[in-house]
């Protein structure tokens, strides 16, 4: 697998965390962490919670800035 052959490329498709090929552990860790959060639904849950909190707020209503009324 370490010769970057077909087995290496096939394994990369399903990996979240890459081996430290380029000595950049932090980048790969953060990317893997973000992919995990997206795939597990944690990000979507936060978006839904935030939408519930701002629903009805004039601050996030476009028409409150344009002067148009609904």
Protein backbone atom coordinates (compact mmCIF):
# COMPACT_ATOMS: atom_id res chain seq x y z
CA UNK A 1 0.00 0.00 0.00
CA UNK A 2 2.89 2.41 0.68
CA UNK A 3 4.04 2.40 -2.94
CA UNK A 4 0.96 4.46 -3.86
CA UNK A 5 -0.31 1.68 -6.06
CA UNK A 6 -3.92 0.74 -6.75
CA UNK A 7 -4.44 -0.64 -3.21
CA UNK A 8 -3.37 2.73 -1.78
CA UNK A 9 -5.71 4.66 -4.07
CA UNK A 10 -8.60 2.29 -3.32
CA UNK A 11 -8.04 2.68 0.41
CA UNK A 12 -7.95 6.48 0.22
CA UNK A 13 -11.51 6.57 -1.10
CA UNK A 14 -12.92 5.27 2.19
CA UNK A 15 -10.48 6.89 4.63
CA UNK A 16 -11.27 9.82 6.85
CA UNK A 17 -7.76 10.22 8.22
CA UNK A 18 -4.79 9.96 5.89
CA UNK A 19 -1.42 8.68 6.91
CA UNK A 20 1.05 11.52 7.33
CA UNK A 21 2.47 11.37 3.81
CA UNK A 22 3.30 15.07 3.63
CA UNK A 23 4.04 15.77 7.31
CA UNK A 24 0.87 17.83 7.68
CA UNK A 25 -0.99 15.98 10.43
CA UNK A 26 -3.11 18.91 11.56
CA UNK A 27 -4.63 19.56 8.13
CA UNK A 28 -5.60 15.92 7.65
CA UNK A 29 -6.95 15.63 11.18
CA UNK A 30 -9.12 18.74 10.79
CA UNK A 31 -10.36 17.62 7.38
CA UNK A 32 -11.20 14.16 8.75
CA UNK A 33 -12.93 15.69 11.76
CA UNK A 34 -15.04 17.95 9.55
CA UNK A 35 -15.97 15.05 7.25
CA UNK A 36 -17.00 13.01 10.29
CA UNK A 37 -19.18 15.85 11.60
CA UNK A 38 -20.85 16.28 8.20
CA UNK A 39 -21.42 12.55 7.63
CA UNK A 40 -22.73 11.94 11.14
CA UNK A 41 -25.31 14.73 10.85
CA UNK A 42 -23.88 16.96 13.60
CA UNK A 43 -23.56 19.95 11.28
CA UNK A 44 -27.11 19.52 9.96
CA UNK A 45 -28.46 19.40 13.53
CA UNK A 46 -26.73 22.67 14.37
CA UNK A 47 -28.12 24.33 11.24
CA UNK A 48 -31.65 23.19 12.11
CA UNK A 49 -31.29 24.44 15.71
CA UNK A 50 -30.01 27.82 14.55
CA UNK A 51 -32.83 28.18 12.01
CA UNK A 52 -35.36 27.54 14.79
CA UNK A 53 -33.74 30.23 16.96
CA UNK A 54 -33.75 32.94 14.29
CA UNK A 55 -37.15 32.14 12.81
CA UNK A 56 -39.35 35.19 13.17
CA UNK A 57 -36.47 37.54 13.98
CA UNK A 58 -36.56 40.80 12.03
CA UNK A 59 -32.76 40.78 12.02
CA UNK A 60 -32.72 37.90 9.52
CA UNK A 61 -35.73 39.00 7.49
CA UNK A 62 -34.74 40.50 4.15
CA UNK A 63 -37.87 42.61 3.90
CA UNK A 64 -37.09 44.43 7.13
CA UNK A 65 -34.13 46.06 5.34
CA UNK A 66 -35.81 46.88 2.05
CA UNK A 67 -38.87 48.64 3.41
CA UNK A 68 -41.24 46.28 1.64
CA UNK A 69 -44.01 44.73 3.65
CA UNK A 70 -45.42 41.29 3.08
